[in-house]
mmCIF file of all heavy atoms, coordinates in Angstrom:
data_MODEL
# 
_entry.id   MODEL 
# 
loop_
_atom_site.group_PDB 
_atom_site.id 
_atom_site.type_symbol 
_atom_site.label_atom_id 
_atom_site.label_alt_id 
_atom_site.label_comp_id 
_atom_site.label_asym_id 
_atom_site.label_entity_id 
_atom_site.label_seq_id 
_atom_site.pdbx_PDB_ins_code 
_atom_site.Cartn_x 
_atom_site.Cartn_y 
_atom_site.Cartn_z 
_atom_site.occupancy 
_atom_site.B_iso_or_equiv 
_atom_site.pdbx_formal_charge 
_atom_site.auth_seq_id 
_atom_site.auth_comp_id 
_atom_site.auth_asym_id 
_atom_site.auth_atom_id 
_atom_site.pdbx_PDB_model_num 
ATOM 1   N N   . SER A 1 1  ? -18.368 15.168  -2.500 1.00 0.00 ? 1  SER A N   1 
ATOM 2   C CA  . SER A 1 1  ? -17.849 15.822  -1.303 1.00 0.00 ? 1  SER A CA  1 
ATOM 3   C C   . SER A 1 1  ? -17.628 14.802  -0.189 1.00 0.00 ? 1  SER A C   1 
ATOM 4   O O   . SER A 1 1  ? -16.597 14.822  0.495  1.00 0.00 ? 1  SER A O   1 
ATOM 5   C CB  . SER A 1 1  ? -18.821 16.909  -0.846 1.00 0.00 ? 1  SER A CB  1 
ATOM 6   O OG  . SER A 1 1  ? -18.361 17.503  0.341  1.00 0.00 ? 1  SER A OG  1 
ATOM 7   N N   . CYS A 1 2  ? -18.565 13.896  -0.011 1.00 0.00 ? 2  CYS A N   1 
ATOM 8   C CA  . CYS A 1 2  ? -18.431 12.842  0.990  1.00 0.00 ? 2  CYS A CA  1 
ATOM 9   C C   . CYS A 1 2  ? -17.243 11.941  0.659  1.00 0.00 ? 2  CYS A C   1 
ATOM 10  O O   . CYS A 1 2  ? -16.437 11.606  1.528  1.00 0.00 ? 2  CYS A O   1 
ATOM 11  C CB  . CYS A 1 2  ? -19.711 12.022  1.074  1.00 0.00 ? 2  CYS A CB  1 
ATOM 12  S SG  . CYS A 1 2  ? -19.658 10.725  2.333  1.00 0.00 ? 2  CYS A SG  1 
ATOM 13  N N   . HIS A 1 3  ? -17.115 11.569  -0.589 1.00 0.00 ? 3  HIS A N   1 
ATOM 14  C CA  . HIS A 1 3  ? -16.020 10.699  -1.024 1.00 0.00 ? 3  HIS A CA  1 
ATOM 15  C C   . HIS A 1 3  ? -14.648 11.339  -0.799 1.00 0.00 ? 3  HIS A C   1 
ATOM 16  O O   . HIS A 1 3  ? -13.655 10.642  -0.636 1.00 0.00 ? 3  HIS A O   1 
ATOM 17  C CB  . HIS A 1 3  ? -16.165 10.339  -2.502 1.00 0.00 ? 3  HIS A CB  1 
ATOM 18  C CG  . HIS A 1 3  ? -17.286 9.405   -2.776 1.00 0.00 ? 3  HIS A CG  1 
ATOM 19  N ND1 . HIS A 1 3  ? -17.719 9.169   -4.066 1.00 0.00 ? 3  HIS A ND1 1 
ATOM 20  C CD2 . HIS A 1 3  ? -18.071 8.657   -1.960 1.00 0.00 ? 3  HIS A CD2 1 
ATOM 21  C CE1 . HIS A 1 3  ? -18.725 8.306   -4.017 1.00 0.00 ? 3  HIS A CE1 1 
ATOM 22  N NE2 . HIS A 1 3  ? -18.952 7.982   -2.752 1.00 0.00 ? 3  HIS A NE2 1 
ATOM 23  N N   . ARG A 1 4  ? -14.603 12.648  -0.809 1.00 0.00 ? 4  ARG A N   1 
ATOM 24  C CA  . ARG A 1 4  ? -13.328 13.346  -0.612 1.00 0.00 ? 4  ARG A CA  1 
ATOM 25  C C   . ARG A 1 4  ? -12.970 13.537  0.863  1.00 0.00 ? 4  ARG A C   1 
ATOM 26  O O   . ARG A 1 4  ? -11.812 13.779  1.181  1.00 0.00 ? 4  ARG A O   1 
ATOM 27  C CB  . ARG A 1 4  ? -13.372 14.715  -1.289 1.00 0.00 ? 4  ARG A CB  1 
ATOM 28  C CG  . ARG A 1 4  ? -13.343 14.607  -2.791 1.00 0.00 ? 4  ARG A CG  1 
ATOM 29  C CD  . ARG A 1 4  ? -13.374 15.965  -3.450 1.00 0.00 ? 4  ARG A CD  1 
ATOM 30  N NE  . ARG A 1 4  ? -13.253 15.800  -4.893 1.00 0.00 ? 4  ARG A NE  1 
ATOM 31  C CZ  . ARG A 1 4  ? -13.685 16.678  -5.775 1.00 0.00 ? 4  ARG A CZ  1 
ATOM 32  N NH1 . ARG A 1 4  ? -14.240 17.801  -5.373 1.00 0.00 ? 4  ARG A NH1 1 
ATOM 33  N NH2 . ARG A 1 4  ? -13.546 16.445  -7.063 1.00 0.00 ? 4  ARG A NH2 1 
ATOM 34  N N   . THR A 1 5  ? -13.953 13.460  1.746  1.00 0.00 ? 5  THR A N   1 
ATOM 35  C CA  . THR A 1 5  ? -13.701 13.777  3.151  1.00 0.00 ? 5  THR A CA  1 
ATOM 36  C C   . THR A 1 5  ? -13.902 12.607  4.107  1.00 0.00 ? 5  THR A C   1 
ATOM 37  O O   . THR A 1 5  ? -13.246 12.545  5.138  1.00 0.00 ? 5  THR A O   1 
ATOM 38  C CB  . THR A 1 5  ? -14.603 14.930  3.616  1.00 0.00 ? 5  THR A CB  1 
ATOM 39  O OG1 . THR A 1 5  ? -15.973 14.567  3.432  1.00 0.00 ? 5  THR A OG1 1 
ATOM 40  C CG2 . THR A 1 5  ? -14.309 16.205  2.840  1.00 0.00 ? 5  THR A CG2 1 
ATOM 41  N N   . GLN A 1 6  ? -14.802 11.710  3.788  1.00 0.00 ? 6  GLN A N   1 
ATOM 42  C CA  . GLN A 1 6  ? -15.136 10.602  4.678  1.00 0.00 ? 6  GLN A CA  1 
ATOM 43  C C   . GLN A 1 6  ? -13.979 9.608   4.771  1.00 0.00 ? 6  GLN A C   1 
ATOM 44  O O   . GLN A 1 6  ? -13.410 9.218   3.759  1.00 0.00 ? 6  GLN A O   1 
ATOM 45  C CB  . GLN A 1 6  ? -16.395 9.887   4.166  1.00 0.00 ? 6  GLN A CB  1 
ATOM 46  C CG  . GLN A 1 6  ? -16.898 8.774   5.039  1.00 0.00 ? 6  GLN A CG  1 
ATOM 47  C CD  . GLN A 1 6  ? -17.477 9.270   6.343  1.00 0.00 ? 6  GLN A CD  1 
ATOM 48  O OE1 . GLN A 1 6  ? -18.052 10.333  6.403  1.00 0.00 ? 6  GLN A OE1 1 
ATOM 49  N NE2 . GLN A 1 6  ? -17.326 8.483   7.382  1.00 0.00 ? 6  GLN A NE2 1 
ATOM 50  N N   . GLU A 1 7  ? -13.648 9.189   5.945  1.00 0.00 ? 7  GLU A N   1 
ATOM 51  C CA  . GLU A 1 7  ? -12.617 8.177   6.115  1.00 0.00 ? 7  GLU A CA  1 
ATOM 52  C C   . GLU A 1 7  ? -13.253 6.796   6.010  1.00 0.00 ? 7  GLU A C   1 
ATOM 53  O O   . GLU A 1 7  ? -14.283 6.538   6.612  1.00 0.00 ? 7  GLU A O   1 
ATOM 54  C CB  . GLU A 1 7  ? -11.946 8.328   7.482  1.00 0.00 ? 7  GLU A CB  1 
ATOM 55  C CG  . GLU A 1 7  ? -10.815 7.363   7.697  1.00 0.00 ? 7  GLU A CG  1 
ATOM 56  C CD  . GLU A 1 7  ? -10.035 7.646   8.977  1.00 0.00 ? 7  GLU A CD  1 
ATOM 57  O OE1 . GLU A 1 7  ? -10.368 8.624   9.675  1.00 0.00 ? 7  GLU A OE1 1 
ATOM 58  O OE2 . GLU A 1 7  ? -9.103  6.888   9.265  1.00 0.00 ? 7  GLU A OE2 1 
ATOM 59  N N   . VAL A 1 8  ? -12.646 5.922   5.214  1.00 0.00 ? 8  VAL A N   1 
ATOM 60  C CA  . VAL A 1 8  ? -13.175 4.565   5.095  1.00 0.00 ? 8  VAL A CA  1 
ATOM 61  C C   . VAL A 1 8  ? -12.540 3.662   6.143  1.00 0.00 ? 8  VAL A C   1 
ATOM 62  O O   . VAL A 1 8  ? -11.417 3.904   6.592  1.00 0.00 ? 8  VAL A O   1 
ATOM 63  C CB  . VAL A 1 8  ? -12.957 3.958   3.686  1.00 0.00 ? 8  VAL A CB  1 
ATOM 64  C CG1 . VAL A 1 8  ? -13.708 4.740   2.634  1.00 0.00 ? 8  VAL A CG1 1 
ATOM 65  C CG2 . VAL A 1 8  ? -11.501 3.869   3.324  1.00 0.00 ? 8  VAL A CG2 1 
ATOM 66  N N   . ASN A 1 9  ? -13.266 2.643   6.544  1.00 0.00 ? 9  ASN A N   1 
ATOM 67  C CA  . ASN A 1 9  ? -12.760 1.638   7.476  1.00 0.00 ? 9  ASN A CA  1 
ATOM 68  C C   . ASN A 1 9  ? -11.809 0.755   6.680  1.00 0.00 ? 9  ASN A C   1 
ATOM 69  O O   . ASN A 1 9  ? -12.176 -0.301  6.197  1.00 0.00 ? 9  ASN A O   1 
ATOM 70  C CB  . ASN A 1 9  ? -13.920 0.838   8.061  1.00 0.00 ? 9  ASN A CB  1 
ATOM 71  C CG  . ASN A 1 9  ? -13.473 -0.203  9.046  1.00 0.00 ? 9  ASN A CG  1 
ATOM 72  O OD1 . ASN A 1 9  ? -12.293 -0.317  9.356  1.00 0.00 ? 9  ASN A OD1 1 
ATOM 73  N ND2 . ASN A 1 9  ? -14.408 -0.980  9.532  1.00 0.00 ? 9  ASN A ND2 1 
ATOM 74  N N   . PHE A 1 10 ? -10.592 1.211   6.532  1.00 0.00 ? 10 PHE A N   1 
ATOM 75  C CA  . PHE A 1 10 ? -9.637  0.627   5.602  1.00 0.00 ? 10 PHE A CA  1 
ATOM 76  C C   . PHE A 1 10 ? -8.818  -0.507  6.201  1.00 0.00 ? 10 PHE A C   1 
ATOM 77  O O   . PHE A 1 10 ? -8.565  -1.510  5.562  1.00 0.00 ? 10 PHE A O   1 
ATOM 78  C CB  . PHE A 1 10 ? -8.698  1.745   5.121  1.00 0.00 ? 10 PHE A CB  1 
ATOM 79  C CG  . PHE A 1 10 ? -7.831  1.374   3.963  1.00 0.00 ? 10 PHE A CG  1 
ATOM 80  C CD1 . PHE A 1 10 ? -8.356  1.272   2.686  1.00 0.00 ? 10 PHE A CD1 1 
ATOM 81  C CD2 . PHE A 1 10 ? -6.481  1.142   4.133  1.00 0.00 ? 10 PHE A CD2 1 
ATOM 82  C CE1 . PHE A 1 10 ? -7.560  0.946   1.607  1.00 0.00 ? 10 PHE A CE1 1 
ATOM 83  C CE2 . PHE A 1 10 ? -5.675  0.813   3.062  1.00 0.00 ? 10 PHE A CE2 1 
ATOM 84  C CZ  . PHE A 1 10 ? -6.219  0.718   1.797  1.00 0.00 ? 10 PHE A CZ  1 
ATOM 85  N N   . LYS A 1 11 ? -8.400  -0.358  7.424  1.00 0.00 ? 11 LYS A N   1 
ATOM 86  C CA  . LYS A 1 11 ? -7.464  -1.306  8.023  1.00 0.00 ? 11 LYS A CA  1 
ATOM 87  C C   . LYS A 1 11 ? -8.073  -2.671  8.331  1.00 0.00 ? 11 LYS A C   1 
ATOM 88  O O   . LYS A 1 11 ? -7.420  -3.683  8.210  1.00 0.00 ? 11 LYS A O   1 
ATOM 89  C CB  . LYS A 1 11 ? -6.868  -0.712  9.293  1.00 0.00 ? 11 LYS A CB  1 
ATOM 90  C CG  . LYS A 1 11 ? -6.002  0.496   9.030  1.00 0.00 ? 11 LYS A CG  1 
ATOM 91  C CD  . LYS A 1 11 ? -5.486  1.081   10.316 1.00 0.00 ? 11 LYS A CD  1 
ATOM 92  C CE  . LYS A 1 11 ? -4.735  2.371   10.048 1.00 0.00 ? 11 LYS A CE  1 
ATOM 93  N NZ  . LYS A 1 11 ? -4.326  3.025   11.275 1.00 0.00 ? 11 LYS A NZ  1 
ATOM 94  N N   . SER A 1 12 ? -9.320  -2.716  8.725  1.00 0.00 ? 12 SER A N   1 
ATOM 95  C CA  . SER A 1 12 ? -9.917  -3.993  9.127  1.00 0.00 ? 12 SER A CA  1 
ATOM 96  C C   . SER A 1 12 ? -11.049 -4.427  8.197  1.00 0.00 ? 12 SER A C   1 
ATOM 97  O O   . SER A 1 12 ? -12.032 -4.995  8.630  1.00 0.00 ? 12 SER A O   1 
ATOM 98  C CB  . SER A 1 12 ? -10.427 -3.883  10.565 1.00 0.00 ? 12 SER A CB  1 
ATOM 99  O OG  . SER A 1 12 ? -11.400 -2.855  10.653 1.00 0.00 ? 12 SER A OG  1 
ATOM 100 N N   . ASN A 1 13 ? -10.898 -4.133  6.906  1.00 0.00 ? 13 ASN A N   1 
ATOM 101 C CA  . ASN A 1 13 ? -11.934 -4.440  5.936  1.00 0.00 ? 13 ASN A CA  1 
ATOM 102 C C   . ASN A 1 13 ? -11.288 -5.190  4.762  1.00 0.00 ? 13 ASN A C   1 
ATOM 103 O O   . ASN A 1 13 ? -10.536 -4.618  3.994  1.00 0.00 ? 13 ASN A O   1 
ATOM 104 C CB  . ASN A 1 13 ? -12.586 -3.134  5.464  1.00 0.00 ? 13 ASN A CB  1 
ATOM 105 C CG  . ASN A 1 13 ? -13.780 -3.353  4.590  1.00 0.00 ? 13 ASN A CG  1 
ATOM 106 O OD1 . ASN A 1 13 ? -13.869 -4.349  3.885  1.00 0.00 ? 13 ASN A OD1 1 
ATOM 107 N ND2 . ASN A 1 13 ? -14.707 -2.414  4.614  1.00 0.00 ? 13 ASN A ND2 1 
ATOM 108 N N   . LYS A 1 14 ? -11.579 -6.466  4.622  1.00 0.00 ? 14 LYS A N   1 
ATOM 109 C CA  . LYS A 1 14 ? -10.942 -7.304  3.604  1.00 0.00 ? 14 LYS A CA  1 
ATOM 110 C C   . LYS A 1 14 ? -11.163 -6.789  2.175  1.00 0.00 ? 14 LYS A C   1 
ATOM 111 O O   . LYS A 1 14 ? -10.372 -7.059  1.296  1.00 0.00 ? 14 LYS A O   1 
ATOM 112 C CB  . LYS A 1 14 ? -11.420 -8.744  3.737  1.00 0.00 ? 14 LYS A CB  1 
ATOM 113 C CG  . LYS A 1 14 ? -10.905 -9.407  4.995  1.00 0.00 ? 14 LYS A CG  1 
ATOM 114 C CD  . LYS A 1 14 ? -10.910 -10.907 4.836  1.00 0.00 ? 14 LYS A CD  1 
ATOM 115 C CE  . LYS A 1 14 ? -10.388 -11.576 6.069  1.00 0.00 ? 14 LYS A CE  1 
ATOM 116 N NZ  . LYS A 1 14 ? -8.956  -11.395 6.267  1.00 0.00 ? 14 LYS A NZ  1 
ATOM 117 N N   . TYR A 1 15 ? -12.255 -6.041  1.956  1.00 0.00 ? 15 TYR A N   1 
ATOM 118 C CA  . TYR A 1 15 ? -12.504 -5.478  0.628  1.00 0.00 ? 15 TYR A CA  1 
ATOM 119 C C   . TYR A 1 15 ? -11.317 -4.637  0.158  1.00 0.00 ? 15 TYR A C   1 
ATOM 120 O O   . TYR A 1 15 ? -10.997 -4.596  -1.020 1.00 0.00 ? 15 TYR A O   1 
ATOM 121 C CB  . TYR A 1 15 ? -13.782 -4.633  0.632  1.00 0.00 ? 15 TYR A CB  1 
ATOM 122 C CG  . TYR A 1 15 ? -14.054 -3.959  -0.686 1.00 0.00 ? 15 TYR A CG  1 
ATOM 123 C CD1 . TYR A 1 15 ? -14.639 -4.662  -1.730 1.00 0.00 ? 15 TYR A CD1 1 
ATOM 124 C CD2 . TYR A 1 15 ? -13.699 -2.637  -0.915 1.00 0.00 ? 15 TYR A CD2 1 
ATOM 125 C CE1 . TYR A 1 15 ? -14.871 -4.059  -2.956 1.00 0.00 ? 15 TYR A CE1 1 
ATOM 126 C CE2 . TYR A 1 15 ? -13.921 -2.019  -2.127 1.00 0.00 ? 15 TYR A CE2 1 
ATOM 127 C CZ  . TYR A 1 15 ? -14.517 -2.741  -3.151 1.00 0.00 ? 15 TYR A CZ  1 
ATOM 128 O OH  . TYR A 1 15 ? -14.742 -2.143  -4.356 1.00 0.00 ? 15 TYR A OH  1 
ATOM 129 N N   . TYR A 1 16 ? -10.648 -3.973  1.089  1.00 0.00 ? 16 TYR A N   1 
ATOM 130 C CA  . TYR A 1 16 ? -9.566  -3.054  0.746  1.00 0.00 ? 16 TYR A CA  1 
ATOM 131 C C   . TYR A 1 16 ? -8.180  -3.688  0.811  1.00 0.00 ? 16 TYR A C   1 
ATOM 132 O O   . TYR A 1 16 ? -7.177  -3.000  0.649  1.00 0.00 ? 16 TYR A O   1 
ATOM 133 C CB  . TYR A 1 16 ? -9.623  -1.822  1.652  1.00 0.00 ? 16 TYR A CB  1 
ATOM 134 C CG  . TYR A 1 16 ? -10.907 -1.043  1.495  1.00 0.00 ? 16 TYR A CG  1 
ATOM 135 C CD1 . TYR A 1 16 ? -11.845 -0.997  2.520  1.00 0.00 ? 16 TYR A CD1 1 
ATOM 136 C CD2 . TYR A 1 16 ? -11.189 -0.359  0.317  1.00 0.00 ? 16 TYR A CD2 1 
ATOM 137 C CE1 . TYR A 1 16 ? -13.031 -0.292  2.369  1.00 0.00 ? 16 TYR A CE1 1 
ATOM 138 C CE2 . TYR A 1 16 ? -12.365 0.339   0.155  1.00 0.00 ? 16 TYR A CE2 1 
ATOM 139 C CZ  . TYR A 1 16 ? -13.284 0.378   1.184  1.00 0.00 ? 16 TYR A CZ  1 
ATOM 140 O OH  . TYR A 1 16 ? -14.450 1.061   1.028  1.00 0.00 ? 16 TYR A OH  1 
ATOM 141 N N   . ASP A 1 17 ? -8.087  -4.979  1.031  1.00 0.00 ? 17 ASP A N   1 
ATOM 142 C CA  . ASP A 1 17 ? -6.784  -5.654  1.113  1.00 0.00 ? 17 ASP A CA  1 
ATOM 143 C C   . ASP A 1 17 ? -5.946  -5.494  -0.157 1.00 0.00 ? 17 ASP A C   1 
ATOM 144 O O   . ASP A 1 17 ? -4.728  -5.507  -0.104 1.00 0.00 ? 17 ASP A O   1 
ATOM 145 C CB  . ASP A 1 17 ? -6.953  -7.152  1.419  1.00 0.00 ? 17 ASP A CB  1 
ATOM 146 C CG  . ASP A 1 17 ? -7.276  -7.412  2.874  1.00 0.00 ? 17 ASP A CG  1 
ATOM 147 O OD1 . ASP A 1 17 ? -7.227  -6.465  3.689  1.00 0.00 ? 17 ASP A OD1 1 
ATOM 148 O OD2 . ASP A 1 17 ? -7.595  -8.572  3.207  1.00 0.00 ? 17 ASP A OD2 1 
ATOM 149 N N   . LYS A 1 18 ? -6.595  -5.346  -1.300 1.00 0.00 ? 18 LYS A N   1 
ATOM 150 C CA  . LYS A 1 18 ? -5.879  -5.269  -2.574 1.00 0.00 ? 18 LYS A CA  1 
ATOM 151 C C   . LYS A 1 18 ? -5.122  -3.947  -2.773 1.00 0.00 ? 18 LYS A C   1 
ATOM 152 O O   . LYS A 1 18 ? -4.292  -3.838  -3.661 1.00 0.00 ? 18 LYS A O   1 
ATOM 153 C CB  . LYS A 1 18 ? -6.849  -5.488  -3.735 1.00 0.00 ? 18 LYS A CB  1 
ATOM 154 C CG  . LYS A 1 18 ? -7.973  -4.461  -3.801 1.00 0.00 ? 18 LYS A CG  1 
ATOM 155 C CD  . LYS A 1 18 ? -9.006  -4.841  -4.839 1.00 0.00 ? 18 LYS A CD  1 
ATOM 156 C CE  . LYS A 1 18 ? -10.208 -3.924  -4.736 1.00 0.00 ? 18 LYS A CE  1 
ATOM 157 N NZ  . LYS A 1 18 ? -11.305 -4.386  -5.538 1.00 0.00 ? 18 LYS A NZ  1 
ATOM 158 N N   . PHE A 1 19 ? -5.372  -2.957  -1.929 1.00 0.00 ? 19 PHE A N   1 
ATOM 159 C CA  . PHE A 1 19 ? -4.717  -1.657  -2.067 1.00 0.00 ? 19 PHE A CA  1 
ATOM 160 C C   . PHE A 1 19 ? -3.431  -1.626  -1.241 1.00 0.00 ? 19 PHE A C   1 
ATOM 161 O O   . PHE A 1 19 ? -3.299  -0.907  -0.262 1.00 0.00 ? 19 PHE A O   1 
ATOM 162 C CB  . PHE A 1 19 ? -5.675  -0.538  -1.634 1.00 0.00 ? 19 PHE A CB  1 
ATOM 163 C CG  . PHE A 1 19 ? -6.876  -0.411  -2.522 1.00 0.00 ? 19 PHE A CG  1 
ATOM 164 C CD1 . PHE A 1 19 ? -8.070  -1.023  -2.178 1.00 0.00 ? 19 PHE A CD1 1 
ATOM 165 C CD2 . PHE A 1 19 ? -6.813  0.294   -3.711 1.00 0.00 ? 19 PHE A CD2 1 
ATOM 166 C CE1 . PHE A 1 19 ? -9.188  -0.918  -2.998 1.00 0.00 ? 19 PHE A CE1 1 
ATOM 167 C CE2 . PHE A 1 19 ? -7.918  0.402   -4.537 1.00 0.00 ? 19 PHE A CE2 1 
ATOM 168 C CZ  . PHE A 1 19 ? -9.111  -0.205  -4.189 1.00 0.00 ? 19 PHE A CZ  1 
ATOM 169 N N   . LEU A 1 20 ? -2.462  -2.429  -1.679 1.00 0.00 ? 20 LEU A N   1 
ATOM 170 C CA  . LEU A 1 20 ? -1.218  -2.596  -0.934 1.00 0.00 ? 20 LEU A CA  1 
ATOM 171 C C   . LEU A 1 20 ? -0.450  -1.280  -0.772 1.00 0.00 ? 20 LEU A C   1 
ATOM 172 O O   . LEU A 1 20 ? 0.143   -1.028  0.278  1.00 0.00 ? 20 LEU A O   1 
ATOM 173 C CB  . LEU A 1 20 ? -0.333  -3.638  -1.618 1.00 0.00 ? 20 LEU A CB  1 
ATOM 174 C CG  . LEU A 1 20 ? -0.940  -5.044  -1.749 1.00 0.00 ? 20 LEU A CG  1 
ATOM 175 C CD1 . LEU A 1 20 ? -0.002  -5.956  -2.522 1.00 0.00 ? 20 LEU A CD1 1 
ATOM 176 C CD2 . LEU A 1 20 ? -1.263  -5.622  -0.382 1.00 0.00 ? 20 LEU A CD2 1 
ATOM 177 N N   . ASP A 1 21 ? -0.448  -0.445  -1.812 1.00 0.00 ? 21 ASP A N   1 
ATOM 178 C CA  . ASP A 1 21 ? 0.283   0.823   -1.733 1.00 0.00 ? 21 ASP A CA  1 
ATOM 179 C C   . ASP A 1 21 ? -0.295  1.742   -0.657 1.00 0.00 ? 21 ASP A C   1 
ATOM 180 O O   . ASP A 1 21 ? 0.453   2.389   0.081  1.00 0.00 ? 21 ASP A O   1 
ATOM 181 C CB  . ASP A 1 21 ? 0.307   1.528   -3.092 1.00 0.00 ? 21 ASP A CB  1 
ATOM 182 C CG  . ASP A 1 21 ? -1.079  1.822   -3.644 1.00 0.00 ? 21 ASP A CG  1 
ATOM 183 O OD1 . ASP A 1 21 ? -2.016  1.026   -3.406 1.00 0.00 ? 21 ASP A OD1 1 
ATOM 184 O OD2 . ASP A 1 21 ? -1.235  2.860   -4.330 1.00 0.00 ? 21 ASP A OD2 1 
ATOM 185 N N   . LEU A 1 22 ? -1.621  1.779   -0.543 1.00 0.00 ? 22 LEU A N   1 
ATOM 186 C CA  . LEU A 1 22 ? -2.238  2.624   0.483  1.00 0.00 ? 22 LEU A CA  1 
ATOM 187 C C   . LEU A 1 22 ? -1.987  2.067   1.882  1.00 0.00 ? 22 LEU A C   1 
ATOM 188 O O   . LEU A 1 22 ? -1.773  2.827   2.826  1.00 0.00 ? 22 LEU A O   1 
ATOM 189 C CB  . LEU A 1 22 ? -3.738  2.779   0.220  1.00 0.00 ? 22 LEU A CB  1 
ATOM 190 C CG  . LEU A 1 22 ? -4.096  3.611   -1.011 1.00 0.00 ? 22 LEU A CG  1 
ATOM 191 C CD1 . LEU A 1 22 ? -5.592  3.581   -1.260 1.00 0.00 ? 22 LEU A CD1 1 
ATOM 192 C CD2 . LEU A 1 22 ? -3.608  5.035   -0.870 1.00 0.00 ? 22 LEU A CD2 1 
ATOM 193 N N   . HIS A 1 23 ? -1.992  0.747   2.013  1.00 0.00 ? 23 HIS A N   1 
ATOM 194 C CA  . HIS A 1 23 ? -1.668  0.136   3.307  1.00 0.00 ? 23 HIS A CA  1 
ATOM 195 C C   . HIS A 1 23 ? -0.245  0.501   3.724  1.00 0.00 ? 23 HIS A C   1 
ATOM 196 O O   . HIS A 1 23 ? 0.010   0.828   4.888  1.00 0.00 ? 23 HIS A O   1 
ATOM 197 C CB  . HIS A 1 23 ? -1.837  -1.384  3.257  1.00 0.00 ? 23 HIS A CB  1 
ATOM 198 C CG  . HIS A 1 23 ? -3.254  -1.835  3.347  1.00 0.00 ? 23 HIS A CG  1 
ATOM 199 N ND1 . HIS A 1 23 ? -3.961  -1.841  4.527  1.00 0.00 ? 23 HIS A ND1 1 
ATOM 200 C CD2 . HIS A 1 23 ? -4.106  -2.289  2.397  1.00 0.00 ? 23 HIS A CD2 1 
ATOM 201 C CE1 . HIS A 1 23 ? -5.184  -2.291  4.309  1.00 0.00 ? 23 HIS A CE1 1 
ATOM 202 N NE2 . HIS A 1 23 ? -5.307  -2.564  3.021  1.00 0.00 ? 23 HIS A NE2 1 
ATOM 203 N N   . ALA A 1 24 ? 0.685   0.484   2.772  1.00 0.00 ? 24 ALA A N   1 
ATOM 204 C CA  . ALA A 1 24 ? 2.076   0.831   3.061  1.00 0.00 ? 24 ALA A CA  1 
ATOM 205 C C   . ALA A 1 24 ? 2.205   2.299   3.463  1.00 0.00 ? 24 ALA A C   1 
ATOM 206 O O   . ALA A 1 24 ? 2.943   2.634   4.395  1.00 0.00 ? 24 ALA A O   1 
ATOM 207 C CB  . ALA A 1 24 ? 2.955   0.529   1.849  1.00 0.00 ? 24 ALA A CB  1 
ATOM 208 N N   . LYS A 1 25 ? 1.469   3.182   2.776  1.00 0.00 ? 25 LYS A N   1 
ATOM 209 C CA  . LYS A 1 25 ? 1.519   4.609   3.101  1.00 0.00 ? 25 LYS A CA  1 
ATOM 210 C C   . LYS A 1 25 ? 0.938   4.888   4.481  1.00 0.00 ? 25 LYS A C   1 
ATOM 211 O O   . LYS A 1 25 ? 1.442   5.755   5.205  1.00 0.00 ? 25 LYS A O   1 
ATOM 212 C CB  . LYS A 1 25 ? 0.788   5.424   2.034  1.00 0.00 ? 25 LYS A CB  1 
ATOM 213 C CG  . LYS A 1 25 ? 1.534   5.508   0.721  1.00 0.00 ? 25 LYS A CG  1 
ATOM 214 C CD  . LYS A 1 25 ? 0.754   6.297   -0.305 1.00 0.00 ? 25 LYS A CD  1 
ATOM 215 C CE  . LYS A 1 25 ? 1.513   6.362   -1.626 1.00 0.00 ? 25 LYS A CE  1 
ATOM 216 N NZ  . LYS A 1 25 ? 0.766   7.116   -2.636 1.00 0.00 ? 25 LYS A NZ  1 
ATOM 217 N N   . LEU A 1 26 ? -0.114  4.178   4.852  1.00 0.00 ? 26 LEU A N   1 
ATOM 218 C CA  . LEU A 1 26 ? -0.683  4.317   6.193  1.00 0.00 ? 26 LEU A CA  1 
ATOM 219 C C   . LEU A 1 26 ? 0.316   3.858   7.249  1.00 0.00 ? 26 LEU A C   1 
ATOM 220 O O   . LEU A 1 26 ? 0.528   4.525   8.258  1.00 0.00 ? 26 LEU A O   1 
ATOM 221 C CB  . LEU A 1 26 ? -1.970  3.493   6.336  1.00 0.00 ? 26 LEU A CB  1 
ATOM 222 C CG  . LEU A 1 26 ? -3.265  4.109   5.878  1.00 0.00 ? 26 LEU A CG  1 
ATOM 223 C CD1 . LEU A 1 26 ? -4.385  3.082   5.927  1.00 0.00 ? 26 LEU A CD1 1 
ATOM 224 C CD2 . LEU A 1 26 ? -3.625  5.321   6.708  1.00 0.00 ? 26 LEU A CD2 1 
ATOM 225 N N   . LYS A 1 27 ? 0.918   2.715   6.989  1.00 0.00 ? 27 LYS A N   1 
ATOM 226 C CA  . LYS A 1 27 ? 1.863   2.133   7.945  1.00 0.00 ? 27 LYS A CA  1 
ATOM 227 C C   . LYS A 1 27 ? 3.082   3.037   8.144  1.00 0.00 ? 27 LYS A C   1 
ATOM 228 O O   . LYS A 1 27 ? 3.562   3.206   9.268  1.00 0.00 ? 27 LYS A O   1 
ATOM 229 C CB  . LYS A 1 27 ? 2.303   0.746   7.475  1.00 0.00 ? 27 LYS A CB  1 
ATOM 230 C CG  . LYS A 1 27 ? 3.122   -0.009  8.480  1.00 0.00 ? 27 LYS A CG  1 
ATOM 231 C CD  . LYS A 1 27 ? 3.403   -1.415  8.025  1.00 0.00 ? 27 LYS A CD  1 
ATOM 232 C CE  . LYS A 1 27 ? 4.188   -2.168  9.089  1.00 0.00 ? 27 LYS A CE  1 
ATOM 233 N NZ  . LYS A 1 27 ? 4.414   -3.553  8.701  1.00 0.00 ? 27 LYS A NZ  1 
ATOM 234 N N   . SER A 1 28 ? 3.564   3.644   7.074  1.00 0.00 ? 28 SER A N   1 
ATOM 235 C CA  . SER A 1 28 ? 4.746   4.509   7.160  1.00 0.00 ? 28 SER A CA  1 
ATOM 236 C C   . SER A 1 28 ? 4.414   5.890   7.722  1.00 0.00 ? 28 SER A C   1 
ATOM 237 O O   . SER A 1 28 ? 5.308   6.653   8.056  1.00 0.00 ? 28 SER A O   1 
ATOM 238 C CB  . SER A 1 28 ? 5.385   4.671   5.781  1.00 0.00 ? 28 SER A CB  1 
ATOM 239 O OG  . SER A 1 28 ? 4.583   5.504   4.957  1.00 0.00 ? 28 SER A OG  1 
# 
């Protein structure tokens, strides 16, 4: 339930840099 609702610190976290498609979807 937490994994489905909690927002991750995605934009400023180098761990998530590899998720290029999600970065593009956020930006658009």
